[in-house]
C-alpha atoms as a PDB file:
ATOM      1  CA  MET A   1     -21.180   4.365 -35.851  1.00  0.00           C
ATOM      2  CA  LYS A   2     -19.714   1.284 -34.536  1.00  0.00           C
ATOM      3  CA  LEU A   3     -19.087   0.593 -31.259  1.00  0.00           C
ATOM      4  CA  GLY A   4     -15.635  -0.795 -29.794  1.00  0.00           C
ATOM      5  CA  TYR A   5     -14.399  -2.434 -27.031  1.00  0.00           C
ATOM      6  CA  ASN A   6     -13.939   0.517 -25.015  1.00  0.00           C
ATOM      7  CA  GLU A   7     -17.616   1.791 -26.493  1.00  0.00           C
ATOM      8  CA  ILE A   8     -19.131  -1.687 -25.180  1.00  0.00           C
ATOM      9  CA  MET A   9     -17.658  -1.893 -22.132  1.00  0.00           C
ATOM     10  CA  ILE A  10     -18.879   1.584 -20.918  1.00  0.00           C
ATOM     11  CA  THR A  11     -22.214   0.460 -21.659  1.00  0.00           C
ATOM     12  CA  SER A  12     -21.851  -2.400 -19.425  1.00  0.00           C
ATOM     13  CA  MET A  13     -20.680  -0.601 -16.832  1.00  0.00           C
ATOM     14  CA  TYR A  14     -24.771  -0.372 -16.273  1.00  0.00           C
ATOM     15  CA  PHE A  15     -25.512  -3.520 -16.957  1.00  0.00           C
ATOM     16  CA  ASN A  16     -28.174  -4.597 -13.117  1.00  0.00           C
ATOM     17  CA  ASP A  17     -27.079  -7.939 -13.541  1.00  0.00           C
ATOM     18  CA  ILE A  18     -24.364 -11.046 -14.311  1.00  0.00           C
ATOM     19  CA  ASN A  19     -26.893 -12.561 -16.630  1.00  0.00           C
ATOM     20  CA  ASP A  20     -26.568  -9.331 -19.197  1.00  0.00           C
ATOM     21  CA  PHE A  21     -23.252  -9.769 -18.714  1.00  0.00           C
ATOM     22  CA  ILE A  22     -23.175 -13.438 -19.850  1.00  0.00           C
ATOM     23  CA  ASN A  23     -26.586 -11.796 -22.603  1.00  0.00           C
ATOM     24  CA  LEU A  24     -23.260 -10.078 -24.119  1.00  0.00           C
ATOM     25  CA  GLU A  25     -20.799 -12.850 -24.262  1.00  0.00           C
ATOM     26  CA  ILE A  26     -23.212 -15.151 -25.608  1.00  0.00           C
ATOM     27  CA  GLY A  27     -24.118 -13.323 -27.894  1.00  0.00           C
ATOM     28  CA  ILE A  28     -21.865 -10.964 -29.653  1.00  0.00           C
ATOM     29  CA  LYS A  29     -18.608 -13.210 -30.651  1.00  0.00           C
ATOM     30  CA  ARG A  30     -17.325  -9.981 -30.853  1.00  0.00           C
ATOM     31  CA  PHE A  31     -17.117  -8.528 -27.569  1.00  0.00           C
ATOM     32  CA  GLN A  32     -16.082 -11.659 -25.677  1.00  0.00           C
ATOM     33  CA  GLY A  33     -13.548 -11.092 -22.801  1.00  0.00           C
ATOM     34  CA  ASN A  34     -15.612  -8.181 -22.394  1.00  0.00           C
ATOM     35  CA  ILE A  35     -15.843  -9.167 -18.596  1.00  0.00           C
ATOM     36  CA  GLU A  36     -11.854  -9.789 -18.102  1.00  0.00           C
ATOM     37  CA  ARG A  37     -11.030  -6.566 -18.744  1.00  0.00           C
ATOM     38  CA  PHE A  38     -12.694  -5.658 -15.729  1.00  0.00           C
ATOM     39  CA  HIS A  39     -10.086  -3.987 -12.849  1.00  0.00           C
ATOM     40  CA  PHE A  40     -13.394  -3.336 -11.072  1.00  0.00           C
ATOM     41  CA  ASN A  41     -16.736  -5.562 -10.185  1.00  0.00           C
ATOM     42  CA  PRO A  42     -19.052  -2.665 -10.917  1.00  0.00           C
ATOM     43  CA  ILE A  43     -22.218  -5.357  -9.896  1.00  0.00           C
ATOM     44  CA  PRO A  44     -22.289  -6.737  -6.383  1.00  0.00           C
ATOM     45  CA  LEU A  45     -20.626 -10.087  -6.660  1.00  0.00           C
ATOM     46  CA  ASN A  46     -21.019 -13.766  -5.512  1.00  0.00           C
ATOM     47  CA  GLU A  47     -19.627 -16.641  -5.703  1.00  0.00           C
ATOM     48  CA  TYR A  48     -20.064 -17.362  -9.145  1.00  0.00           C
ATOM     49  CA  SER A  49     -19.437 -14.638 -11.094  1.00  0.00           C
ATOM     50  CA  ARG A  50     -16.819 -13.644  -8.451  1.00  0.00           C
ATOM     51  CA  LYS A  51     -15.281 -16.170 -11.154  1.00  0.00           C
ATOM     52  CA  LEU A  52     -16.423 -14.879 -14.247  1.00  0.00           C
ATOM     53  CA  PHE A  53     -14.471 -11.393 -13.249  1.00  0.00           C
ATOM     54  CA  THR A  54     -10.808 -12.842 -12.951  1.00  0.00           C
ATOM     55  CA  ASN A  55      -9.303  -8.970 -12.539  1.00  0.00           C
ATOM     56  CA  ILE A  56     -10.336  -7.530 -10.227  1.00  0.00           C
ATOM     57  CA  GLU A  57      -7.859  -4.939  -8.245  1.00  0.00           C
ATOM     58  CA  THR A  58     -10.634  -2.993  -6.994  1.00  0.00           C
ATOM     59  CA  PHE A  59     -13.032  -4.286  -5.522  1.00  0.00           C
ATOM     60  CA  HIS A  60     -17.028  -2.248  -5.266  1.00  0.00           C
ATOM     61  CA  ILE A  61     -19.448  -2.620  -1.759  1.00  0.00           C
ATOM     62  CA  TYR A  62     -22.478  -1.119  -3.753  1.00  0.00           C
ATOM     63  CA  ASN A  63     -24.728  -2.766  -0.023  1.00  0.00           C
ATOM     64  CA  GLU A  64     -24.185  -3.911   3.406  1.00  0.00           C
ATOM     65  CA  ASN A  65     -24.781  -7.421   2.892  1.00  0.00           C
ATOM     66  CA  ASP A  66     -22.742  -7.251  -0.038  1.00  0.00           C
ATOM     67  CA  GLU A  67     -20.512 -10.717  -0.700  1.00  0.00           C
ATOM     68  CA  ILE A  68     -16.983  -9.541  -0.460  1.00  0.00           C
ATOM     69  CA  PHE A  69     -13.879 -11.338  -1.618  1.00  0.00           C
ATOM     70  CA  ASN A  70     -10.101 -11.483  -0.209  1.00  0.00           C
ATOM     71  CA  ASP A  71      -8.427 -13.862  -2.690  1.00  0.00           C
ATOM     72  CA  GLY A  72      -5.097 -11.957  -3.104  1.00  0.00           C
ATOM     73  CA  LYS A  73      -6.153  -9.954  -5.764  1.00  0.00           C
ATOM     74  CA  ILE A  74      -7.833  -6.796  -4.151  1.00  0.00           C
ATOM     75  CA  PHE A  75      -6.005  -4.021  -3.841  1.00  0.00           C
ATOM     76  CA  LYS A  76      -8.584  -1.188  -2.786  1.00  0.00           C
ATOM     77  CA  TYR A  77     -12.129  -1.616  -1.842  1.00  0.00           C
ATOM     78  CA  VAL A  78     -14.624   0.860  -2.473  1.00  0.00           C
ATOM     79  CA  ILE A  79     -17.554   1.355  -0.439  1.00  0.00           C
ATOM     80  CA  TRP A  80     -21.029   3.049  -1.323  1.00  0.00           C
ATOM     81  CA  TYR A  81     -23.285   2.218   1.781  1.00  0.00           C
ATOM     82  CA  LEU A  82     -23.846   4.357   4.133  1.00  0.00           C
ATOM     83  CA  VAL A  83     -21.640   5.163   6.497  1.00  0.00           C
ATOM     84  CA  GLU A  84     -21.102   6.731   9.994  1.00  0.00           C
ATOM     85  CA  TYR A  85     -18.434   9.053  10.771  1.00  0.00           C
ATOM     86  CA  SER A  86     -17.429   7.618  13.759  1.00  0.00           C
ATOM     87  CA  LYS A  87     -17.050   4.381  11.836  1.00  0.00           C
ATOM     88  CA  TYR A  88     -15.055   5.953   8.566  1.00  0.00           C
ATOM     89  CA  LEU A  89     -12.547   7.147  11.342  1.00  0.00           C
ATOM     90  CA  GLN A  90     -12.098   3.968  12.288  1.00  0.00           C
ATOM     91  CA  GLU A  91     -11.295   1.649   9.428  1.00  0.00           C
ATOM     92  CA  LYS A  92      -9.716   4.717   7.075  1.00  0.00           C
ATOM     93  CA  GLU A  93      -6.501   3.061   8.440  1.00  0.00           C
ATOM     94  CA  LYS A  94      -7.145   0.675   5.355  1.00  0.00           C
ATOM     95  CA  ARG A  95      -7.207   2.760   2.641  1.00  0.00           C
ATOM     96  CA  ASN A  96     -10.895   1.903   1.289  1.00  0.00           C
ATOM     97  CA  ILE A  97     -12.784   4.545  -0.282  1.00  0.00           C
ATOM     98  CA  TYR A  98     -16.434   5.721   1.208  1.00  0.00           C
ATOM     99  CA  LYS A  99     -18.402   7.250  -0.287  1.00  0.00           C
ATOM    100  CA  ASN A 100     -21.363   8.060   1.510  1.00  0.00           C
ATOM    101  CA  ILE A 101     -20.535   9.436   4.940  1.00  0.00           C
ATOM    102  CA  GLU A 102     -22.786  10.011   7.397  1.00  0.00           C
ATOM    103  CA  TYR A 103     -22.265  12.707   9.703  1.00  0.00           C
ATOM    104  CA  THR A 104     -24.925  11.536  12.099  1.00  0.00           C
ATOM    105  CA  GLU A 105     -25.826  12.801  15.400  1.00  0.00           C
ATOM    106  CA  GLU A 106     -23.728  10.677  17.762  1.00  0.00           C
ATOM    107  CA  ASP A 107     -20.793  12.115  15.805  1.00  0.00           C
ATOM    108  CA  ARG A 108     -21.638  15.096  16.972  1.00  0.00           C
ATOM    109  CA  LYS A 109     -21.794  14.476  20.300  1.00  0.00           C
ATOM    110  CA  SER A 110     -18.622  12.966  19.684  1.00  0.00           C
ATOM    111  CA  TYR A 111     -16.117  15.055  17.650  1.00  0.00           C
ATOM    112  CA  GLY A 112     -18.205  18.607  18.045  1.00  0.00           C
ATOM    113  CA  ASN A 113     -20.936  21.204  15.227  1.00  0.00           C
ATOM    114  CA  THR A 114     -18.067  21.581  12.179  1.00  0.00           C
ATOM    115  CA  ILE A 115     -19.052  19.442  10.022  1.00  0.00           C
ATOM    116  CA  PRO A 116     -16.156  17.232   8.178  1.00  0.00           C
ATOM    117  CA  PRO A 117     -15.661  17.544   4.432  1.00  0.00           C
ATOM    118  CA  GLU A 118     -15.737  14.673   3.447  1.00  0.00           C
ATOM    119  CA  VAL A 119     -18.802  14.285   4.947  1.00  0.00           C
ATOM    120  CA  LYS A 120     -21.629  13.847   2.302  1.00  0.00           C
ATOM    121  CA  SER A 121     -24.941  14.109   4.240  1.00  0.00           C
ATOM    122  CA  LEU A 122     -26.114  14.816   8.047  1.00  0.00           C
ATOM    123  CA  GLY A 123     -28.748  12.254   9.441  1.00  0.00           C
ATOM    124  CA  ASP A 124     -31.642  12.914  10.995  1.00  0.00           C
ATOM    125  CA  ASN A 125     -31.833  14.380  14.815  1.00  0.00           C
ATOM    126  CA  CYS A 126     -27.911  15.536  13.658  1.00  0.00           C
ATOM    127  CA  PHE A 127     -28.502  19.678  15.506  1.00  0.00           C
ATOM    128  CA  SER A 128     -31.340  18.841  17.227  1.00  0.00           C
ATOM    129  CA  TYR A 129     -31.497  20.868  20.994  1.00  0.00           C
ATOM    130  CA  CYS A 130     -28.367  22.861  20.023  1.00  0.00           C
ATOM    131  CA  ASP A 131     -29.929  25.886  21.790  1.00  0.00           C
ATOM    132  CA  LYS A 132     -26.703  27.550  21.584  1.00  0.00           C
ATOM    133  CA  LEU A 133     -25.603  27.440  18.381  1.00  0.00           C
ATOM    134  CA  THR A 134     -25.925  30.340  16.478  1.00  0.00           C
ATOM    135  CA  THR A 135     -24.269  28.556  12.657  1.00  0.00           C
ATOM    136  CA  VAL A 136     -22.657  26.232  10.975  1.00  0.00           C
ATOM    137  CA  ASN A 137     -21.071  25.568   7.620  1.00  0.00           C
ATOM    138  CA  ILE A 138     -21.902  23.340   6.364  1.00  0.00           C
ATOM    139  CA  PRO A 139     -19.521  21.795   3.455  1.00  0.00           C
ATOM    140  CA  SER A 140     -19.967  21.719  -0.715  1.00  0.00           C
ATOM    141  CA  SER A 141     -19.697  17.959  -0.617  1.00  0.00           C
ATOM    142  CA  VAL A 142     -23.076  17.576   1.537  1.00  0.00           C
ATOM    143  CA  SER A 143     -26.016  16.516  -0.632  1.00  0.00           C
ATOM    144  CA  GLU A 144     -28.732  15.719   1.804  1.00  0.00           C
ATOM    145  CA  ILE A 145     -29.575  17.106   5.022  1.00  0.00           C
ATOM    146  CA  GLY A 146     -31.831  14.583   7.541  1.00  0.00           C
ATOM    147  CA  ASP A 147     -34.925  14.962   8.995  1.00  0.00           C
ATOM    148  CA  CYS A 148     -35.436  17.258  12.052  1.00  0.00           C
ATOM    149  CA  CYS A 149     -31.585  18.019  11.967  1.00  0.00           C
ATOM    150  CA  PHE A 150     -32.207  21.227  13.294  1.00  0.00           C
ATOM    151  CA  ASN A 151     -34.733  20.896  15.483  1.00  0.00           C
ATOM    152  CA  GLU A 152     -34.988  23.392  18.671  1.00  0.00           C
ATOM    153  CA  CYS A 153     -32.292  25.367  17.395  1.00  0.00           C
ATOM    154  CA  SER A 154     -33.521  28.534  18.833  1.00  0.00           C
ATOM    155  CA  SER A 155     -30.256  30.302  18.634  1.00  0.00           C
END
């Protein structure tokens, strides 16, 4: 099987850092220009690597400390790190996409015992000491339950 542009682009989405992209560009003449095909950043970027990914329209933010670029070409942000539900609600109108929303104990106290469908995890102690809690519906979107989440729920 011969690798084409689509196959190498799919494969390179799993590269670890900018050096892997540069080695592909320099090492295999046939795949020069692979970086320009990306309309999103498959790795966190810095000032140097941002210049190499020239056609980014959707910017992925993998860690809270990632450098964020707003250079006029970016239309949407995708946030992958853990974000509390209350912060998600505050920033919801920005139309960013949040991939990892956590419902915390503070969120439960503010917004109630109904877990919103966009939540992916329940934080540590989220429902702790809810002595009147008899049932809770956990949406299928929830894939992780924190330590002591239902601690001392006596009912």
